[in-house]
C-alpha atoms as a PDB file:
ATOM      1  CA  MET A   1     -11.091  16.102  -4.999  1.00  0.00           C
ATOM      2  CA  PRO A   2      -8.840  15.429  -8.062  1.00  0.00           C
ATOM      3  CA  GLU A   3      -5.527  13.621  -7.458  1.00  0.00           C
ATOM      4  CA  GLU A   4      -2.217  14.600  -8.829  1.00  0.00           C
ATOM      5  CA  ILE A   5       0.549  12.097  -8.702  1.00  0.00           C
ATOM      6  CA  LEU A   6       3.735  13.787  -7.444  1.00  0.00           C
ATOM      7  CA  PHE A   7       6.069  10.820  -7.383  1.00  0.00           C
ATOM      8  CA  GLU A   8       5.648   7.138  -8.198  1.00  0.00           C
ATOM      9  CA  PHE A   9       8.065   4.194  -7.752  1.00  0.00           C
ATOM     10  CA  GLU A  10       7.452   0.419  -8.246  1.00  0.00           C
ATOM     11  CA  ARG A  11       9.972  -2.376  -8.549  1.00  0.00           C
ATOM     12  CA  ASN A  12      10.493  -5.918  -7.428  1.00  0.00           C
ATOM     13  CA  MET A  13      13.045  -5.846  -4.511  1.00  0.00           C
ATOM     14  CA  ASP A  14      14.504  -8.056  -1.913  1.00  0.00           C
ATOM     15  CA  THR A  15      12.463  -7.719   1.283  1.00  0.00           C
ATOM     16  CA  GLY A  16      15.638  -6.707   3.301  1.00  0.00           C
ATOM     17  CA  LYS A  17      16.005  -3.660   0.998  1.00  0.00           C
ATOM     18  CA  VAL A  18      12.341  -2.800   1.305  1.00  0.00           C
ATOM     19  CA  ALA A  19      12.792  -2.893   5.131  1.00  0.00           C
ATOM     20  CA  GLN A  20      15.806  -0.556   4.857  1.00  0.00           C
ATOM     21  CA  TYR A  21      13.731   1.961   2.861  1.00  0.00           C
ATOM     22  CA  LEU A  22      10.893   1.823   5.422  1.00  0.00           C
ATOM     23  CA  ARG A  23      13.249   2.156   8.333  1.00  0.00           C
ATOM     24  CA  THR A  24      14.766   5.317   6.700  1.00  0.00           C
ATOM     25  CA  VAL A  25      11.294   6.856   6.238  1.00  0.00           C
ATOM     26  CA  ALA A  26      10.370   5.892   9.859  1.00  0.00           C
ATOM     27  CA  ASP A  27      13.533   7.584  11.143  1.00  0.00           C
ATOM     28  CA  HIS A  28      12.558  10.721   9.455  1.00  0.00           C
ATOM     29  CA  LEU A  29       9.056  10.585  10.648  1.00  0.00           C
ATOM     30  CA  GLU A  30      10.223  10.035  14.212  1.00  0.00           C
ATOM     31  CA  SER A  31      12.752  12.906  14.098  1.00  0.00           C
ATOM     32  CA  GLY A  32      10.279  15.312  12.401  1.00  0.00           C
ATOM     33  CA  ASP A  33      12.788  15.812   9.584  1.00  0.00           C
ATOM     34  CA  GLU A  34      11.787  16.448   5.990  1.00  0.00           C
ATOM     35  CA  PHE A  35      12.946  13.750   3.480  1.00  0.00           C
ATOM     36  CA  THR A  36      13.193  13.451  -0.281  1.00  0.00           C
ATOM     37  CA  LEU A  37      12.152  10.525  -2.382  1.00  0.00           C
ATOM     38  CA  LYS A  38      14.199  10.230  -5.575  1.00  0.00           C
ATOM     39  CA  SER A  39      14.151   7.854  -8.558  1.00  0.00           C
ATOM     40  CA  GLY A  40      15.835   8.829 -11.784  1.00  0.00           C
ATOM     41  CA  THR A  41      14.868  12.350 -12.664  1.00  0.00           C
ATOM     42  CA  GLU A  42      11.801  12.381 -10.338  1.00  0.00           C
ATOM     43  CA  SER A  43      11.909  13.658  -6.760  1.00  0.00           C
ATOM     44  CA  VAL A  44       9.538  14.958  -4.093  1.00  0.00           C
ATOM     45  CA  THR A  45      10.493  16.432  -0.730  1.00  0.00           C
ATOM     46  CA  LEU A  46       7.964  15.799   2.123  1.00  0.00           C
ATOM     47  CA  THR A  47       7.612  17.380   5.476  1.00  0.00           C
ATOM     48  CA  PRO A  48       4.887  15.398   7.354  1.00  0.00           C
ATOM     49  CA  PRO A  49       3.344  16.980  10.487  1.00  0.00           C
ATOM     50  CA  LYS A  50       3.618  15.335  13.939  1.00  0.00           C
ATOM     51  CA  SER A  51       0.188  13.740  13.440  1.00  0.00           C
ATOM     52  CA  VAL A  52      -0.837  12.042  10.227  1.00  0.00           C
ATOM     53  CA  GLU A  53      -3.675   9.719   9.133  1.00  0.00           C
ATOM     54  CA  PHE A  54      -2.291   6.202   8.823  1.00  0.00           C
ATOM     55  CA  GLU A  55      -3.949   3.481   6.960  1.00  0.00           C
ATOM     56  CA  VAL A  56      -3.021  -0.229   6.538  1.00  0.00           C
ATOM     57  CA  GLU A  57      -4.754  -2.311   3.957  1.00  0.00           C
ATOM     58  CA  VAL A  58      -4.327  -5.996   3.040  1.00  0.00           C
ATOM     59  CA  GLU A  59      -5.951  -7.320  -0.168  1.00  0.00           C
ATOM     60  CA  ARG A  60      -6.081 -10.757  -1.744  1.00  0.00           C
ATOM     61  CA  GLU A  61      -6.281 -10.619  -5.511  1.00  0.00           C
ATOM     62  CA  THR A  62      -7.517 -13.793  -7.114  1.00  0.00           C
ATOM     63  CA  SER A  63      -7.030 -14.496 -10.770  1.00  0.00           C
ATOM     64  CA  LYS A  64     -10.290 -15.200 -12.621  1.00  0.00           C
ATOM     65  CA  SER A  65      -8.550 -17.739 -14.861  1.00  0.00           C
ATOM     66  CA  GLY A  66      -7.680 -19.861 -11.673  1.00  0.00           C
ATOM     67  CA  GLY A  67      -4.073 -18.746 -11.577  1.00  0.00           C
ATOM     68  CA  SER A  68      -2.151 -17.827  -8.478  1.00  0.00           C
ATOM     69  CA  THR A  69      -3.407 -15.307  -5.917  1.00  0.00           C
ATOM     70  CA  GLU A  70      -1.498 -12.334  -4.754  1.00  0.00           C
ATOM     71  CA  ILE A  71      -1.464 -10.570  -1.364  1.00  0.00           C
ATOM     72  CA  GLU A  72      -1.126  -6.751  -1.438  1.00  0.00           C
ATOM     73  CA  LEU A  73      -0.092  -4.937   1.724  1.00  0.00           C
ATOM     74  CA  GLU A  74      -0.366  -1.131   1.570  1.00  0.00           C
ATOM     75  CA  PHE A  75       0.814   1.480   4.076  1.00  0.00           C
ATOM     76  CA  GLU A  76      -0.659   4.875   3.467  1.00  0.00           C
ATOM     77  CA  LEU A  77       0.205   8.133   5.303  1.00  0.00           C
ATOM     78  CA  GLU A  78      -2.071  11.120   4.625  1.00  0.00           C
ATOM     79  CA  TRP A  79      -2.063  14.702   5.893  1.00  0.00           C
ATOM     80  CA  ASP A  80      -3.261  18.133   4.896  1.00  0.00           C
ATOM     81  CA  GLU A  81      -0.741  20.273   3.168  1.00  0.00           C
ATOM     82  CA  ASP A  82      -1.393  23.037   5.703  1.00  0.00           C
ATOM     83  CA  GLY A  83       0.117  20.856   8.241  1.00  0.00           C
ATOM     84  CA  THR A  84      -2.852  19.830  10.220  1.00  0.00           C
ATOM     85  CA  GLY A  85      -3.622  16.204  10.875  1.00  0.00           C
ATOM     86  CA  THR A  86      -5.426  13.872  13.361  1.00  0.00           C
ATOM     87  CA  SER A  87      -4.908  10.258  14.155  1.00  0.00           C
ATOM     88  CA  ASP A  88      -3.332   7.690  16.512  1.00  0.00           C
ATOM     89  CA  LEU A  89      -1.802   4.299  15.804  1.00  0.00           C
ATOM     90  CA  ASN A  90      -0.986   1.308  17.869  1.00  0.00           C
ATOM     91  CA  ILE A  91       0.810  -1.667  16.349  1.00  0.00           C
ATOM     92  CA  GLY A  92       0.918  -4.842  18.359  1.00  0.00           C
END
């Protein structure tokens, strides 16, 4: 299935600010409210269903030249646009 990027944002930020953004998204998910992501002239409004597919991925990227390694942590939420979704999550 072809992908269409609806919104993209990437910036180095203080981890406290990142946590604040994640809390805001979590609050909207918990309340069932739609929310809008905005950056400059770009924006996208999302209305996730009560059940979504949730993926957590951690990668280690090692430089071939022997430089420093990077850790990448990704959180991904996925759902069908028709509002259906199936999944369960436990974090401990």
